[in-house]
C-alpha atoms as a PDB file:
ATOM      1  CA  MET A   1      15.212  45.064 -31.120  1.00  0.00           C
ATOM      2  CA  SER A   2      16.382  42.213 -33.267  1.00  0.00           C
ATOM      3  CA  SER A   3      18.948  39.653 -32.334  1.00  0.00           C
ATOM      4  CA  SER A   4      20.920  37.158 -34.293  1.00  0.00           C
ATOM      5  CA  THR A   5      22.967  34.133 -33.446  1.00  0.00           C
ATOM      6  CA  THR A   6      26.077  32.973 -35.167  1.00  0.00           C
ATOM      7  CA  GLU A   7      26.578  29.261 -35.411  1.00  0.00           C
ATOM      8  CA  ALA A   8      30.066  27.992 -34.756  1.00  0.00           C
ATOM      9  CA  PRO A   9      31.661  26.645 -37.921  1.00  0.00           C
ATOM     10  CA  VAL A  10      31.637  22.893 -38.232  1.00  0.00           C
ATOM     11  CA  GLN A  11      35.124  21.548 -37.700  1.00  0.00           C
ATOM     12  CA  PRO A  12      36.374  19.222 -40.453  1.00  0.00           C
ATOM     13  CA  VAL A  13      37.105  15.579 -39.785  1.00  0.00           C
ATOM     14  CA  ARG A  14      40.836  15.203 -39.184  1.00  0.00           C
ATOM     15  CA  ILE A  15      42.335  12.199 -40.957  1.00  0.00           C
ATOM     16  CA  VAL A  16      45.644  10.392 -40.699  1.00  0.00           C
ATOM     17  CA  LEU A  17      46.622   8.455 -43.826  1.00  0.00           C
ATOM     18  CA  ALA A  18      48.724   5.395 -42.942  1.00  0.00           C
ATOM     19  CA  ASP A  19      50.166   3.535 -45.912  1.00  0.00           C
ATOM     20  CA  ASP A  20      53.718   2.653 -46.886  1.00  0.00           C
ATOM     21  CA  GLN A  21      52.934   3.464 -50.529  1.00  0.00           C
ATOM     22  CA  PRO A  22      53.398   7.226 -51.114  1.00  0.00           C
ATOM     23  CA  LEU A  23      51.226   7.124 -54.238  1.00  0.00           C
ATOM     24  CA  VAL A  24      48.239   5.858 -52.248  1.00  0.00           C
ATOM     25  CA  ARG A  25      48.650   8.589 -49.646  1.00  0.00           C
ATOM     26  CA  THR A  26      49.088  11.248 -52.335  1.00  0.00           C
ATOM     27  CA  ALA A  27      45.977  10.196 -54.244  1.00  0.00           C
ATOM     28  CA  LEU A  28      43.825  10.261 -51.125  1.00  0.00           C
ATOM     29  CA  SER A  29      45.351  13.499 -49.890  1.00  0.00           C
ATOM     30  CA  MET A  30      44.656  15.247 -53.193  1.00  0.00           C
ATOM     31  CA  VAL A  31      41.001  14.237 -53.161  1.00  0.00           C
ATOM     32  CA  ILE A  32      40.567  15.159 -49.497  1.00  0.00           C
ATOM     33  CA  ALA A  33      42.095  18.590 -50.182  1.00  0.00           C
ATOM     34  CA  GLU A  34      39.119  19.334 -52.443  1.00  0.00           C
ATOM     35  CA  THR A  35      36.549  18.694 -49.687  1.00  0.00           C
ATOM     36  CA  ALA A  36      35.293  21.155 -47.111  1.00  0.00           C
ATOM     37  CA  ASP A  37      34.521  18.685 -44.337  1.00  0.00           C
ATOM     38  CA  LEU A  38      37.666  16.552 -44.370  1.00  0.00           C
ATOM     39  CA  VAL A  39      41.309  17.452 -43.793  1.00  0.00           C
ATOM     40  CA  VAL A  40      44.527  15.426 -43.686  1.00  0.00           C
ATOM     41  CA  SER A  41      46.209  16.003 -40.344  1.00  0.00           C
ATOM     42  CA  GLY A  42      49.137  13.707 -41.023  1.00  0.00           C
ATOM     43  CA  GLU A  43      50.631  10.986 -43.212  1.00  0.00           C
ATOM     44  CA  ALA A  44      52.368   7.883 -41.903  1.00  0.00           C
ATOM     45  CA  ALA A  45      54.456   5.228 -43.639  1.00  0.00           C
ATOM     46  CA  ASP A  46      54.161   2.732 -40.773  1.00  0.00           C
ATOM     47  CA  GLY A  47      51.938   1.882 -37.835  1.00  0.00           C
ATOM     48  CA  ALA A  48      54.077   3.449 -35.121  1.00  0.00           C
ATOM     49  CA  GLU A  49      54.058   6.769 -36.928  1.00  0.00           C
ATOM     50  CA  ALA A  50      50.287   6.547 -37.332  1.00  0.00           C
ATOM     51  CA  VAL A  51      49.828   6.051 -33.583  1.00  0.00           C
ATOM     52  CA  ARG A  52      52.080   9.020 -32.859  1.00  0.00           C
ATOM     53  CA  LEU A  53      50.277  11.275 -35.329  1.00  0.00           C
ATOM     54  CA  VAL A  54      46.880  10.426 -33.857  1.00  0.00           C
ATOM     55  CA  GLU A  55      48.094  11.472 -30.432  1.00  0.00           C
ATOM     56  CA  GLU A  56      49.781  14.638 -31.727  1.00  0.00           C
ATOM     57  CA  THR A  57      47.051  15.882 -34.093  1.00  0.00           C
ATOM     58  CA  GLY A  58      43.887  14.676 -32.373  1.00  0.00           C
ATOM     59  CA  ALA A  59      42.817  12.912 -35.562  1.00  0.00           C
ATOM     60  CA  HIS A  60      39.290  11.533 -35.690  1.00  0.00           C
ATOM     61  CA  VAL A  61      39.853   8.788 -38.265  1.00  0.00           C
ATOM     62  CA  VAL A  62      42.837   6.795 -39.487  1.00  0.00           C
ATOM     63  CA  VAL A  63      42.750   5.281 -42.979  1.00  0.00           C
ATOM     64  CA  MET A  64      44.986   2.300 -42.296  1.00  0.00           C
ATOM     65  CA  ASP A  65      46.875  -0.040 -44.578  1.00  0.00           C
ATOM     66  CA  LEU A  66      47.584  -3.391 -42.934  1.00  0.00           C
ATOM     67  CA  ARG A  67      50.920  -4.566 -44.235  1.00  0.00           C
ATOM     68  CA  MET A  68      53.536  -1.955 -43.387  1.00  0.00           C
ATOM     69  CA  PRO A  69      57.108  -2.241 -42.132  1.00  0.00           C
ATOM     70  CA  GLY A  70      57.784  -2.186 -38.415  1.00  0.00           C
ATOM     71  CA  THR A  71      54.541  -1.809 -36.500  1.00  0.00           C
ATOM     72  CA  ASP A  72      51.913  -3.187 -38.869  1.00  0.00           C
ATOM     73  CA  GLY A  73      48.357  -1.974 -39.310  1.00  0.00           C
ATOM     74  CA  ILE A  74      46.867  -4.550 -36.958  1.00  0.00           C
ATOM     75  CA  GLU A  75      48.996  -3.574 -33.982  1.00  0.00           C
ATOM     76  CA  ALA A  76      48.561   0.120 -34.785  1.00  0.00           C
ATOM     77  CA  THR A  77      44.786  -0.356 -34.944  1.00  0.00           C
ATOM     78  CA  ARG A  78      44.789  -2.040 -31.537  1.00  0.00           C
ATOM     79  CA  LEU A  79      46.910   0.702 -29.978  1.00  0.00           C
ATOM     80  CA  ILE A  80      44.694   3.436 -31.424  1.00  0.00           C
ATOM     81  CA  THR A  81      41.309   1.902 -30.580  1.00  0.00           C
ATOM     82  CA  GLU A  82      42.393   0.950 -27.062  1.00  0.00           C
ATOM     83  CA  GLY A  83      43.961   4.361 -26.472  1.00  0.00           C
ATOM     84  CA  PRO A  84      42.360   7.468 -24.997  1.00  0.00           C
ATOM     85  CA  THR A  85      42.013   9.519 -28.183  1.00  0.00           C
ATOM     86  CA  GLY A  86      38.717   8.061 -29.382  1.00  0.00           C
ATOM     87  CA  ALA A  87      40.043   7.887 -32.940  1.00  0.00           C
ATOM     88  CA  ARG A  88      38.468   5.311 -35.226  1.00  0.00           C
ATOM     89  CA  VAL A  89      40.186   3.173 -37.844  1.00  0.00           C
ATOM     90  CA  VAL A  90      39.149   2.391 -41.411  1.00  0.00           C
ATOM     91  CA  VAL A  91      41.147  -0.420 -42.958  1.00  0.00           C
ATOM     92  CA  LEU A  92      42.035   0.123 -46.613  1.00  0.00           C
ATOM     93  CA  THR A  93      43.374  -3.122 -48.025  1.00  0.00           C
ATOM     94  CA  THR A  94      44.127  -4.906 -51.265  1.00  0.00           C
ATOM     95  CA  PHE A  95      42.334  -7.857 -49.626  1.00  0.00           C
ATOM     96  CA  ASP A  96      44.882 -10.424 -50.711  1.00  0.00           C
ATOM     97  CA  ASP A  97      45.662 -11.484 -47.165  1.00  0.00           C
ATOM     98  CA  ASP A  98      42.531 -12.395 -45.197  1.00  0.00           C
ATOM     99  CA  ASP A  99      44.407 -13.191 -41.994  1.00  0.00           C
ATOM    100  CA  HIS A 100      45.417  -9.551 -41.704  1.00  0.00           C
ATOM    101  CA  VAL A 101      41.812  -8.428 -42.113  1.00  0.00           C
ATOM    102  CA  PHE A 102      40.638 -10.818 -39.397  1.00  0.00           C
ATOM    103  CA  GLY A 103      43.337  -9.478 -37.112  1.00  0.00           C
ATOM    104  CA  ALA A 104      42.203  -5.915 -37.713  1.00  0.00           C
ATOM    105  CA  LEU A 105      38.623  -6.945 -36.968  1.00  0.00           C
ATOM    106  CA  HIS A 106      39.666  -8.198 -33.550  1.00  0.00           C
ATOM    107  CA  ALA A 107      41.825  -5.115 -33.035  1.00  0.00           C
ATOM    108  CA  GLY A 108      38.790  -2.830 -33.245  1.00  0.00           C
ATOM    109  CA  ALA A 109      38.661  -1.462 -36.790  1.00  0.00           C
ATOM    110  CA  SER A 110      35.347   0.189 -37.645  1.00  0.00           C
ATOM    111  CA  GLY A 111      35.515  -0.201 -41.401  1.00  0.00           C
ATOM    112  CA  PHE A 112      36.942  -2.369 -44.149  1.00  0.00           C
ATOM    113  CA  LEU A 113      37.470  -0.960 -47.626  1.00  0.00           C
ATOM    114  CA  VAL A 114      39.348  -2.162 -50.674  1.00  0.00           C
ATOM    115  CA  LYS A 115      41.830  -0.095 -52.629  1.00  0.00           C
ATOM    116  CA  ASP A 116      40.068  -0.542 -55.958  1.00  0.00           C
ATOM    117  CA  MET A 117      37.016   1.362 -54.686  1.00  0.00           C
ATOM    118  CA  ALA A 118      36.329   4.798 -56.145  1.00  0.00           C
ATOM    119  CA  LEU A 119      38.053   7.509 -54.115  1.00  0.00           C
ATOM    120  CA  ASP A 120      34.751   9.292 -53.497  1.00  0.00           C
ATOM    121  CA  ASP A 121      33.316   6.083 -52.033  1.00  0.00           C
ATOM    122  CA  ILE A 122      36.304   5.783 -49.718  1.00  0.00           C
ATOM    123  CA  LEU A 123      35.756   9.349 -48.481  1.00  0.00           C
ATOM    124  CA  ALA A 124      32.040   8.654 -47.990  1.00  0.00           C
ATOM    125  CA  ALA A 125      32.985   5.661 -45.845  1.00  0.00           C
ATOM    126  CA  VAL A 126      35.346   7.821 -43.789  1.00  0.00           C
ATOM    127  CA  ARG A 127      32.442  10.181 -43.086  1.00  0.00           C
ATOM    128  CA  VAL A 128      30.272   7.255 -41.987  1.00  0.00           C
ATOM    129  CA  VAL A 129      32.914   6.014 -39.553  1.00  0.00           C
ATOM    130  CA  ALA A 130      33.622   9.539 -38.278  1.00  0.00           C
ATOM    131  CA  SER A 131      29.927   9.894 -37.425  1.00  0.00           C
ATOM    132  CA  GLY A 132      30.224   6.919 -35.073  1.00  0.00           C
ATOM    133  CA  ASP A 133      28.944   4.216 -37.391  1.00  0.00           C
ATOM    134  CA  ALA A 134      30.852   1.329 -38.937  1.00  0.00           C
ATOM    135  CA  LEU A 135      31.020   0.062 -42.473  1.00  0.00           C
ATOM    136  CA  ILE A 136      32.199  -2.871 -44.540  1.00  0.00           C
ATOM    137  CA  ALA A 137      32.424  -2.413 -48.291  1.00  0.00           C
ATOM    138  CA  PRO A 138      29.705  -4.498 -50.001  1.00  0.00           C
ATOM    139  CA  THR A 139      32.342  -6.266 -52.089  1.00  0.00           C
ATOM    140  CA  VAL A 140      34.103  -7.333 -48.898  1.00  0.00           C
ATOM    141  CA  THR A 141      31.203  -8.318 -46.639  1.00  0.00           C
ATOM    142  CA  ARG A 142      30.295 -11.813 -47.843  1.00  0.00           C
ATOM    143  CA  ARG A 143      33.841 -13.054 -48.353  1.00  0.00           C
ATOM    144  CA  LEU A 144      35.152 -11.506 -45.151  1.00  0.00           C
ATOM    145  CA  ILE A 145      32.405 -12.798 -42.880  1.00  0.00           C
ATOM    146  CA  LYS A 146      32.228 -16.219 -44.541  1.00  0.00           C
ATOM    147  CA  GLU A 147      35.941 -16.738 -43.993  1.00  0.00           C
ATOM    148  CA  PHE A 148      35.745 -15.311 -40.483  1.00  0.00           C
ATOM    149  CA  THR A 149      32.878 -17.535 -39.384  1.00  0.00           C
ATOM    150  CA  ASP A 150      34.351 -20.629 -41.073  1.00  0.00           C
ATOM    151  CA  ARG A 151      37.651 -20.157 -39.271  1.00  0.00           C
ATOM    152  CA  HIS A 152      36.401 -19.055 -35.878  1.00  0.00           C
ATOM    153  CA  ARG A 153      33.108 -20.943 -35.414  1.00  0.00           C
ATOM    154  CA  PRO A 154      33.558 -23.602 -32.687  1.00  0.00           C
ATOM    155  CA  ALA A 155      33.104 -27.269 -33.475  1.00  0.00           C
ATOM    156  CA  PRO A 156      29.580 -28.595 -32.794  1.00  0.00           C
ATOM    157  CA  ALA A 157      30.820 -30.704 -29.899  1.00  0.00           C
ATOM    158  CA  ALA A 158      32.629 -27.778 -28.351  1.00  0.00           C
ATOM    159  CA  ALA A 159      29.860 -25.193 -28.127  1.00  0.00           C
ATOM    160  CA  PRO A 160      26.440 -24.460 -29.617  1.00  0.00           C
ATOM    161  CA  ARG A 161      26.028 -21.849 -32.320  1.00  0.00           C
ATOM    162  CA  ARG A 162      25.575 -18.385 -30.880  1.00  0.00           C
ATOM    163  CA  ARG A 163      21.959 -17.254 -30.512  1.00  0.00           C
ATOM    164  CA  ALA A 164      20.624 -13.738 -30.658  1.00  0.00           C
ATOM    165  CA  GLU A 165      18.532 -13.868 -27.504  1.00  0.00           C
ATOM    166  CA  GLY A 166      16.536 -11.086 -25.903  1.00  0.00           C
ATOM    167  CA  ILE A 167      15.704  -9.223 -29.106  1.00  0.00           C
ATOM    168  CA  THR A 168      12.307  -8.648 -30.674  1.00  0.00           C
ATOM    169  CA  ASP A 169      11.155 -10.006 -34.019  1.00  0.00           C
ATOM    170  CA  ARG A 170      11.586  -6.571 -35.584  1.00  0.00           C
ATOM    171  CA  GLU A 171      15.088  -6.247 -34.143  1.00  0.00           C
ATOM    172  CA  ARG A 172      15.866  -9.668 -35.598  1.00  0.00           C
ATOM    173  CA  GLU A 173      14.741  -8.407 -39.005  1.00  0.00           C
ATOM    174  CA  VAL A 174      16.984  -5.367 -38.652  1.00  0.00           C
ATOM    175  CA  LEU A 175      19.931  -7.519 -37.566  1.00  0.00           C
ATOM    176  CA  THR A 176      19.442  -9.699 -40.638  1.00  0.00           C
ATOM    177  CA  LEU A 177      19.534  -6.656 -42.912  1.00  0.00           C
ATOM    178  CA  VAL A 178      22.610  -5.279 -41.137  1.00  0.00           C
ATOM    179  CA  GLY A 179      24.236  -8.662 -41.726  1.00  0.00           C
ATOM    180  CA  ARG A 180      23.463  -8.348 -45.426  1.00  0.00           C
ATOM    181  CA  GLY A 181      25.389  -5.089 -45.468  1.00  0.00           C
ATOM    182  CA  LEU A 182      22.476  -2.657 -45.730  1.00  0.00           C
ATOM    183  CA  SER A 183      22.818   0.915 -44.462  1.00  0.00           C
ATOM    184  CA  ASN A 184      20.256   2.512 -42.130  1.00  0.00           C
ATOM    185  CA  THR A 185      18.655   4.254 -45.117  1.00  0.00           C
ATOM    186  CA  GLU A 186      18.385   0.970 -47.013  1.00  0.00           C
ATOM    187  CA  ILE A 187      16.983  -0.802 -43.939  1.00  0.00           C
ATOM    188  CA  ALA A 188      14.369   1.949 -43.572  1.00  0.00           C
ATOM    189  CA  GLY A 189      13.303   1.452 -47.186  1.00  0.00           C
ATOM    190  CA  GLU A 190      13.200  -2.318 -46.866  1.00  0.00           C
ATOM    191  CA  LEU A 191      11.060  -2.261 -43.702  1.00  0.00           C
ATOM    192  CA  HIS A 192       9.041   0.869 -44.575  1.00  0.00           C
ATOM    193  CA  ILE A 193      10.152   2.757 -41.489  1.00  0.00           C
ATOM    194  CA  SER A 194      11.942   6.060 -40.999  1.00  0.00           C
ATOM    195  CA  VAL A 195      15.738   6.291 -41.060  1.00  0.00           C
ATOM    196  CA  ALA A 196      15.640   7.551 -37.476  1.00  0.00           C
ATOM    197  CA  THR A 197      13.670   4.460 -36.430  1.00  0.00           C
ATOM    198  CA  ALA A 198      16.119   2.182 -38.233  1.00  0.00           C
ATOM    199  CA  LYS A 199      18.992   3.873 -36.418  1.00  0.00           C
ATOM    200  CA  THR A 200      17.176   3.394 -33.103  1.00  0.00           C
ATOM    201  CA  TYR A 201      16.819  -0.331 -33.763  1.00  0.00           C
ATOM    202  CA  VAL A 202      20.524  -0.621 -34.581  1.00  0.00           C
ATOM    203  CA  THR A 203      21.405   1.251 -31.384  1.00  0.00           C
ATOM    204  CA  ARG A 204      19.233  -1.144 -29.358  1.00  0.00           C
ATOM    205  CA  LEU A 205      20.885  -4.147 -30.999  1.00  0.00           C
ATOM    206  CA  LEU A 206      24.326  -2.822 -30.140  1.00  0.00           C
ATOM    207  CA  ALA A 207      23.303  -2.574 -26.491  1.00  0.00           C
ATOM    208  CA  LYS A 208      21.368  -5.846 -26.238  1.00  0.00           C
ATOM    209  CA  LEU A 209      23.990  -7.943 -27.999  1.00  0.00           C
ATOM    210  CA  ASP A 210      26.938  -6.175 -26.385  1.00  0.00           C
ATOM    211  CA  ALA A 211      28.310  -5.431 -29.837  1.00  0.00           C
ATOM    212  CA  ARG A 212      31.245  -3.068 -30.311  1.00  0.00           C
ATOM    213  CA  ASP A 213      29.872  -1.529 -33.501  1.00  0.00           C
ATOM    214  CA  ARG A 214      28.052  -2.293 -36.743  1.00  0.00           C
ATOM    215  CA  VAL A 215      30.871  -4.524 -37.976  1.00  0.00           C
ATOM    216  CA  HIS A 216      30.406  -6.671 -34.883  1.00  0.00           C
ATOM    217  CA  LEU A 217      26.652  -6.863 -35.593  1.00  0.00           C
ATOM    218  CA  VAL A 218      27.415  -8.218 -39.058  1.00  0.00           C
ATOM    219  CA  ILE A 219      29.490 -10.999 -37.518  1.00  0.00           C
ATOM    220  CA  ILE A 220      26.730 -11.816 -35.029  1.00  0.00           C
ATOM    221  CA  ALA A 221      24.190 -12.027 -37.855  1.00  0.00           C
ATOM    222  CA  TYR A 222      26.352 -14.678 -39.525  1.00  0.00           C
ATOM    223  CA  GLU A 223      27.230 -16.512 -36.333  1.00  0.00           C
ATOM    224  CA  THR A 224      23.562 -16.810 -35.386  1.00  0.00           C
ATOM    225  CA  GLY A 225      22.585 -18.089 -38.813  1.00  0.00           C
ATOM    226  CA  LEU A 226      20.386 -15.091 -39.677  1.00  0.00           C
ATOM    227  CA  VAL A 227      22.482 -14.581 -42.792  1.00  0.00           C
ATOM    228  CA  SER A 228      23.779 -17.504 -44.782  1.00  0.00           C
ATOM    229  CA  THR A 229      27.333 -17.766 -46.032  1.00  0.00           C
ATOM    230  CA  SER A 230      26.275 -19.950 -48.946  1.00  0.00           C
END
């Protein structure tokens, strides 16, 4: 007697597009419609609507503009990431207002992308964030973190520079590469280890350094001086 098992179909990642520019939402929605693993569960023109749609549709990821009328992207990001849905936020910005990006960082965003990126790259980033990871576009990383650390680093007399204590030499190497914006696959290639091992190191760093996600690890790498802003 033979038997067979039927695997349950993989459910697509549900996405809310939050942007007050209809053309941006339409462009993303059209590209997403051509994918099998992503689906638009709602479109919002302001932050309050984005929060409501996440709760109503059970969206996994919100692609969030920052400057919108009414409830802006920063407040919407905070409400979503602190809420019970577990949804994650990817900021999609023109990057002409750094203060907004810093605010979103504190509010719990898991990714920072710029609107001039290729649409396929934006969707790839959404998949990364949906899988539980975090991502900053390479073109954003150095400028974002340099500005962040310059503005928020305490004066020498006020407090010493943060130190990454309690981690091994290998974990320090991994943290440095994370700070440079490398993915787990790129870290594995750089250190000649498997991708699974690289992911394990990143997971350990998150726990040891009490970091919220990969974005937070990038900040720590700069704050500890493992990666230079010069």
